[in-house]
Amino acid sequence: MSMTLRERKGDRMSEEKWHYMDGENSSGPHSEEHIFDLIEKGKVDKSVLVWAKGDEDWKPAEDVFDLEG
């Protein structure tokens, strides 16, 4: 049985600080867990652009989070 991204990550901060691009609009803030859920459910691709306050620019989720681990 395969583990979900959340199970592989263990306890993550549920702080809602992440935004992601939904088409031409940003959506957020969301928790890291919520972004993982969206990717797991196929609602967004792991290449979806994400951003949090303090970041210089938007980056693909797969470059920000350890989605394979």
N, C-alpha and C. Protein backbone atom coordinates (compact mmCIF):
# COMPACT_ATOMS: atom_id res chain seq x y z
N MET A 1 0.85 -1.18 0.00
CA MET A 1 0.00 0.00 0.00
C MET A 1 0.89 1.24 0.00
N SER A 2 0.64 2.16 -0.89
CA SER A 2 1.47 3.36 -0.97
C SER A 2 1.03 4.38 0.08
N MET A 3 2.00 5.17 0.53
CA MET A 3 1.73 6.20 1.52
C MET A 3 1.39 7.51 0.82
N THR A 4 0.55 8.30 1.46
CA THR A 4 0.24 9.61 0.92
C THR A 4 1.41 10.54 1.17
N LEU A 5 1.44 11.65 0.44
CA LEU A 5 2.48 12.64 0.66
C LEU A 5 2.50 13.09 2.11
N ARG A 6 1.32 13.28 2.69
CA ARG A 6 1.22 13.74 4.07
C ARG A 6 1.84 12.72 5.02
N GLU A 7 1.57 11.44 4.80
CA GLU A 7 2.13 10.40 5.66
C GLU A 7 3.65 10.34 5.53
N ARG A 8 4.15 10.54 4.32
CA ARG A 8 5.60 10.53 4.10
C ARG A 8 6.26 11.73 4.75
N LYS A 9 5.57 12.82 4.83
CA LYS A 9 6.13 14.05 5.40
C LYS A 9 6.07 14.06 6.91
N GLY A 10 5.20 13.27 7.49
CA GLY A 10 5.02 13.32 8.95
C GLY A 10 4.25 14.58 9.31
N ASP A 11 4.41 15.02 10.53
CA ASP A 11 3.71 16.23 10.97
C ASP A 11 4.34 17.46 10.35
N ARG A 12 3.57 18.19 9.59
CA ARG A 12 4.02 19.43 8.96
C ARG A 12 3.28 20.58 9.61
N MET A 13 3.88 21.73 9.51
CA MET A 13 3.20 22.93 10.01
C MET A 13 1.93 23.15 9.19
N SER A 14 0.87 23.48 9.87
CA SER A 14 -0.39 23.73 9.18
C SER A 14 -0.61 25.22 8.96
N GLU A 15 0.44 26.00 9.18
CA GLU A 15 0.34 27.44 8.99
C GLU A 15 -0.05 27.75 7.55
N GLU A 16 -1.05 28.58 7.40
CA GLU A 16 -1.52 28.93 6.06
C GLU A 16 -0.71 30.11 5.54
N LYS A 17 0.34 29.79 4.80
CA LYS A 17 1.22 30.83 4.28
C LYS A 17 1.52 30.68 2.80
N TRP A 18 1.10 29.58 2.19
CA TRP A 18 1.43 29.31 0.79
C TRP A 18 0.31 29.73 -0.15
N HIS A 19 0.71 30.33 -1.24
CA HIS A 19 -0.21 30.70 -2.32
C HIS A 19 0.18 29.87 -3.54
N TYR A 20 -0.79 29.55 -4.38
CA TYR A 20 -0.47 28.86 -5.63
C TYR A 20 -1.24 29.52 -6.76
N MET A 21 -0.71 29.36 -7.96
CA MET A 21 -1.35 29.94 -9.14
C MET A 21 -2.45 29.02 -9.63
N ASP A 22 -3.65 29.55 -9.72
CA ASP A 22 -4.81 28.83 -10.22
C ASP A 22 -5.20 29.52 -11.52
N GLY A 23 -4.66 29.05 -12.62
CA GLY A 23 -4.84 29.75 -13.89
C GLY A 23 -4.04 31.03 -13.87
N GLU A 24 -4.72 32.15 -14.06
CA GLU A 24 -4.04 33.44 -14.04
C GLU A 24 -4.17 34.14 -12.70
N ASN A 25 -4.84 33.50 -11.74
CA ASN A 25 -5.06 34.09 -10.42
C ASN A 25 -4.36 33.29 -9.35
N SER A 26 -3.97 33.99 -8.28
CA SER A 26 -3.37 33.27 -7.15
C SER A 26 -4.47 32.87 -6.17
N SER A 27 -4.23 31.77 -5.48
CA SER A 27 -5.16 31.27 -4.47
C SER A 27 -4.37 31.08 -3.18
N GLY A 28 -4.89 31.59 -2.10
CA GLY A 28 -4.20 31.41 -0.83
C GLY A 28 -4.50 32.52 0.13
N PRO A 29 -3.99 32.44 1.30
CA PRO A 29 -2.97 31.49 1.72
C PRO A 29 -3.55 30.12 2.10
N HIS A 30 -2.70 29.10 1.93
CA HIS A 30 -3.05 27.71 2.25
C HIS A 30 -1.90 27.10 3.04
N SER A 31 -2.20 26.01 3.74
CA SER A 31 -1.15 25.27 4.44
C SER A 31 -0.38 24.42 3.44
N GLU A 32 0.81 24.03 3.82
CA GLU A 32 1.61 23.13 3.00
C GLU A 32 0.85 21.82 2.79
N GLU A 33 0.17 21.36 3.83
CA GLU A 33 -0.62 20.13 3.77
C GLU A 33 -1.70 20.25 2.69
N HIS A 34 -2.34 21.40 2.60
CA HIS A 34 -3.38 21.61 1.60
C HIS A 34 -2.80 21.53 0.18
N ILE A 35 -1.62 22.12 -0.01
CA ILE A 35 -0.98 22.05 -1.32
C ILE A 35 -0.68 20.59 -1.67
N PHE A 36 -0.17 19.81 -0.69
CA PHE A 36 0.09 18.38 -0.92
C PHE A 36 -1.19 17.66 -1.31
N ASP A 37 -2.29 17.96 -0.60
CA ASP A 37 -3.58 17.33 -0.91
C ASP A 37 -4.02 17.63 -2.33
N LEU A 38 -3.88 18.87 -2.75
CA LEU A 38 -4.26 19.25 -4.11
C LEU A 38 -3.45 18.46 -5.15
N ILE A 39 -2.17 18.29 -4.87
CA ILE A 39 -1.31 17.54 -5.79
C ILE A 39 -1.69 16.06 -5.79
N GLU A 40 -1.90 15.49 -4.60
CA GLU A 40 -2.29 14.08 -4.48
C GLU A 40 -3.58 13.78 -5.23
N LYS A 41 -4.53 14.69 -5.13
CA LYS A 41 -5.85 14.48 -5.75
C LYS A 41 -5.87 14.85 -7.22
N GLY A 42 -4.74 15.34 -7.74
CA GLY A 42 -4.66 15.68 -9.15
C GLY A 42 -5.34 16.99 -9.52
N LYS A 43 -5.66 17.80 -8.52
CA LYS A 43 -6.31 19.08 -8.79
C LYS A 43 -5.32 20.11 -9.31
N VAL A 44 -4.05 19.96 -8.92
CA VAL A 44 -2.96 20.77 -9.46
C VAL A 44 -1.79 19.83 -9.70
N ASP A 45 -0.93 20.20 -10.62
CA ASP A 45 0.26 19.41 -10.93
C ASP A 45 1.38 19.80 -9.97
N LYS A 46 2.35 18.91 -9.80
CA LYS A 46 3.46 19.23 -8.90
C LYS A 46 4.32 20.37 -9.42
N SER A 47 4.08 20.78 -10.66
CA SER A 47 4.80 21.93 -11.21
C SER A 47 4.06 23.24 -10.98
N VAL A 48 2.93 23.18 -10.24
CA VAL A 48 2.16 24.40 -9.95
C VAL A 48 3.08 25.41 -9.25
N LEU A 49 2.93 26.66 -9.62
CA LEU A 49 3.76 27.71 -9.01
C LEU A 49 3.24 28.05 -7.63
N VAL A 50 4.16 28.13 -6.65
CA VAL A 50 3.81 28.47 -5.27
C VAL A 50 4.67 29.63 -4.80
N TRP A 51 4.16 30.32 -3.79
CA TRP A 51 4.85 31.49 -3.25
C TRP A 51 4.42 31.68 -1.80
N ALA A 52 5.35 32.15 -0.96
CA ALA A 52 5.03 32.52 0.42
C ALA A 52 5.70 33.86 0.71
N LYS A 53 5.13 34.60 1.65
CA LYS A 53 5.69 35.90 2.01
C LYS A 53 7.17 35.76 2.32
N GLY A 54 7.97 36.63 1.75
CA GLY A 54 9.41 36.59 1.92
C GLY A 54 10.13 35.98 0.73
N ASP A 55 9.40 35.22 -0.09
CA ASP A 55 10.00 34.65 -1.30
C ASP A 55 10.17 35.74 -2.34
N GLU A 56 11.23 35.65 -3.12
CA GLU A 56 11.46 36.63 -4.17
C GLU A 56 10.54 36.43 -5.36
N ASP A 57 10.23 35.17 -5.67
CA ASP A 57 9.46 34.89 -6.88
C ASP A 57 8.68 33.59 -6.70
N TRP A 58 7.76 33.34 -7.60
CA TRP A 58 7.00 32.10 -7.64
C TRP A 58 7.92 30.99 -8.14
N LYS A 59 7.75 29.78 -7.56
CA LYS A 59 8.56 28.63 -7.96
C LYS A 59 7.67 27.41 -8.06
N PRO A 60 8.06 26.43 -8.90
CA PRO A 60 7.29 25.18 -8.97
C PRO A 60 7.28 24.47 -7.61
N ALA A 61 6.14 23.93 -7.24
CA ALA A 61 6.02 23.22 -5.96
C ALA A 61 7.06 22.13 -5.83
N GLU A 62 7.36 21.44 -6.93
CA GLU A 62 8.33 20.34 -6.88
C GLU A 62 9.74 20.83 -6.56
N ASP A 63 10.01 22.13 -6.75
CA ASP A 63 11.31 22.70 -6.40
C ASP A 63 11.34 23.23 -4.97
N VAL A 64 10.17 23.44 -4.38
CA VAL A 64 10.07 24.00 -3.04
C VAL A 64 9.90 22.91 -1.99
N PHE A 65 9.04 21.94 -2.29
CA PHE A 65 8.72 20.87 -1.35
C PHE A 65 9.36 19.57 -1.80
N ASP A 66 9.66 18.69 -0.84
CA ASP A 66 10.17 17.37 -1.14
C ASP A 66 8.97 16.46 -1.40
N LEU A 67 8.52 16.44 -2.63
CA LEU A 67 7.31 15.68 -2.98
C LEU A 67 7.59 14.21 -3.25
N GLU A 68 8.83 13.84 -3.46
CA GLU A 68 9.18 12.47 -3.79
C GLU A 68 9.59 11.66 -2.57
N GLY A 69 9.99 12.35 -1.50
CA GLY A 69 10.58 11.69 -0.34
C GLY A 69 9.74 10.86 0.46
